[in-house]
Amino acid sequence: MDYRHVMEQVMSDMAPHIGDGNVADYIPDLARVDPNQFGFIVATVDGQVFSAGDAHILGADSNHARHGGALENFAQTGGFSIF
């Protein structure tokens, strides 16, 4: 799958909506987030990590990459099946 292309399409589709709505304010750190930021990460079970937009803010790339690695290890040890 061409993840980068799909992510570029999502970014393009979401561009007109960035800044709409409200940030979550029930967690103080989230209340301080700039509502004009948007980003996301896709981590595959084979260890690939793709990011788009503002996903790099606050080290999200590395945190999600570590979680992706943990999920991969979990899957390899028989923790769950990937269809």
Protein backbone atom coordinates (compact mmCIF):
# COMPACT_ATOMS: atom_id res chain seq x y z
CA MET A 1 0.00 0.00 0.00
CA ASP A 2 1.21 3.50 -0.82
CA TYR A 3 0.83 5.00 2.66
CA ARG A 4 2.44 8.30 1.75
CA HIS A 5 -0.07 8.91 -1.05
CA VAL A 6 -3.02 8.06 1.21
CA MET A 7 -1.65 10.32 3.96
CA GLU A 8 -1.15 13.19 1.50
CA GLN A 9 -4.77 12.77 0.41
CA VAL A 10 -5.98 12.84 4.03
CA MET A 11 -3.92 15.99 4.70
CA SER A 12 -5.39 17.62 1.58
CA ASP A 13 -8.94 16.62 2.51
CA MET A 14 -8.54 17.89 6.08
CA ALA A 15 -6.81 21.20 5.22
CA PRO A 16 -10.06 23.22 5.03
CA HIS A 17 -11.08 21.95 8.49
CA ILE A 18 -7.86 22.52 10.42
CA GLY A 19 -8.59 24.90 13.28
CA ASP A 20 -12.30 24.08 13.39
CA GLY A 21 -13.71 22.92 16.71
CA ASN A 22 -12.06 23.07 20.11
CA VAL A 23 -9.03 21.43 21.63
CA ALA A 24 -9.63 19.06 24.53
CA ASP A 25 -9.43 21.09 27.72
CA TYR A 26 -9.93 18.38 30.33
CA ILE A 27 -6.17 17.71 30.28
CA PRO A 28 -4.17 20.90 30.96
CA ASP A 29 -1.41 20.10 28.44
CA LEU A 30 -3.98 19.50 25.72
CA ALA A 31 -5.72 22.78 26.52
CA ARG A 32 -2.51 24.60 25.51
CA VAL A 33 -2.24 22.95 22.08
CA ASP A 34 -2.49 25.21 19.04
CA PRO A 35 -5.81 24.29 17.35
CA ASN A 36 -4.25 24.98 13.96
CA GLN A 37 -1.97 21.96 14.24
CA PHE A 38 -2.87 18.68 12.57
CA GLY A 39 -0.82 15.60 12.02
CA PHE A 40 -0.89 11.85 12.32
CA ILE A 41 1.31 8.79 12.20
CA VAL A 42 0.84 5.39 10.62
CA ALA A 43 2.97 2.59 12.04
CA THR A 44 2.84 -0.78 10.32
CA VAL A 45 3.43 -4.10 12.02
CA ASP A 46 6.57 -4.60 9.93
CA GLY A 47 8.17 -1.53 11.52
CA GLN A 48 7.53 1.15 8.92
CA VAL A 49 6.57 4.53 10.36
CA PHE A 50 5.06 7.31 8.27
CA SER A 51 4.12 10.76 9.54
CA ALA A 52 2.28 13.70 8.06
CA GLY A 53 1.63 17.27 9.09
CA ASP A 54 2.47 18.27 12.65
CA ALA A 55 2.99 14.73 13.95
CA HIS A 56 6.58 15.58 14.93
CA ILE A 57 5.47 18.02 17.64
CA LEU A 58 6.27 16.88 21.19
CA GLY A 59 8.18 13.87 19.91
CA ALA A 60 5.09 12.04 18.71
CA ASP A 61 7.08 10.26 15.99
CA SER A 62 9.40 8.53 18.40
CA ASN A 63 6.69 7.67 20.91
CA HIS A 64 4.46 6.11 18.30
CA ALA A 65 7.36 4.31 16.66
CA ARG A 66 8.16 2.69 20.01
CA HIS A 67 4.53 1.69 20.43
CA GLY A 68 4.52 0.28 16.91
CA GLY A 69 7.59 -1.78 17.74
CA ALA A 70 5.91 -3.07 20.86
CA LEU A 71 2.85 -4.08 18.84
CA GLU A 72 5.06 -5.84 16.31
CA ASN A 73 6.79 -7.78 19.09
CA PHE A 74 3.41 -8.65 20.60
CA ALA A 75 2.16 -9.95 17.25
CA GLN A 76 5.31 -11.99 16.64
CA THR A 77 4.98 -13.72 19.99
CA GLY A 78 1.47 -14.89 19.17
CA GLY A 79 -0.33 -12.08 21.00
CA PHE A 80 -2.79 -11.66 18.15
CA SER A 81 -3.28 -12.47 14.51
CA ILE A 82 -3.05 -9.91 11.78
CA PHE A 83 -5.39 -10.63 8.90
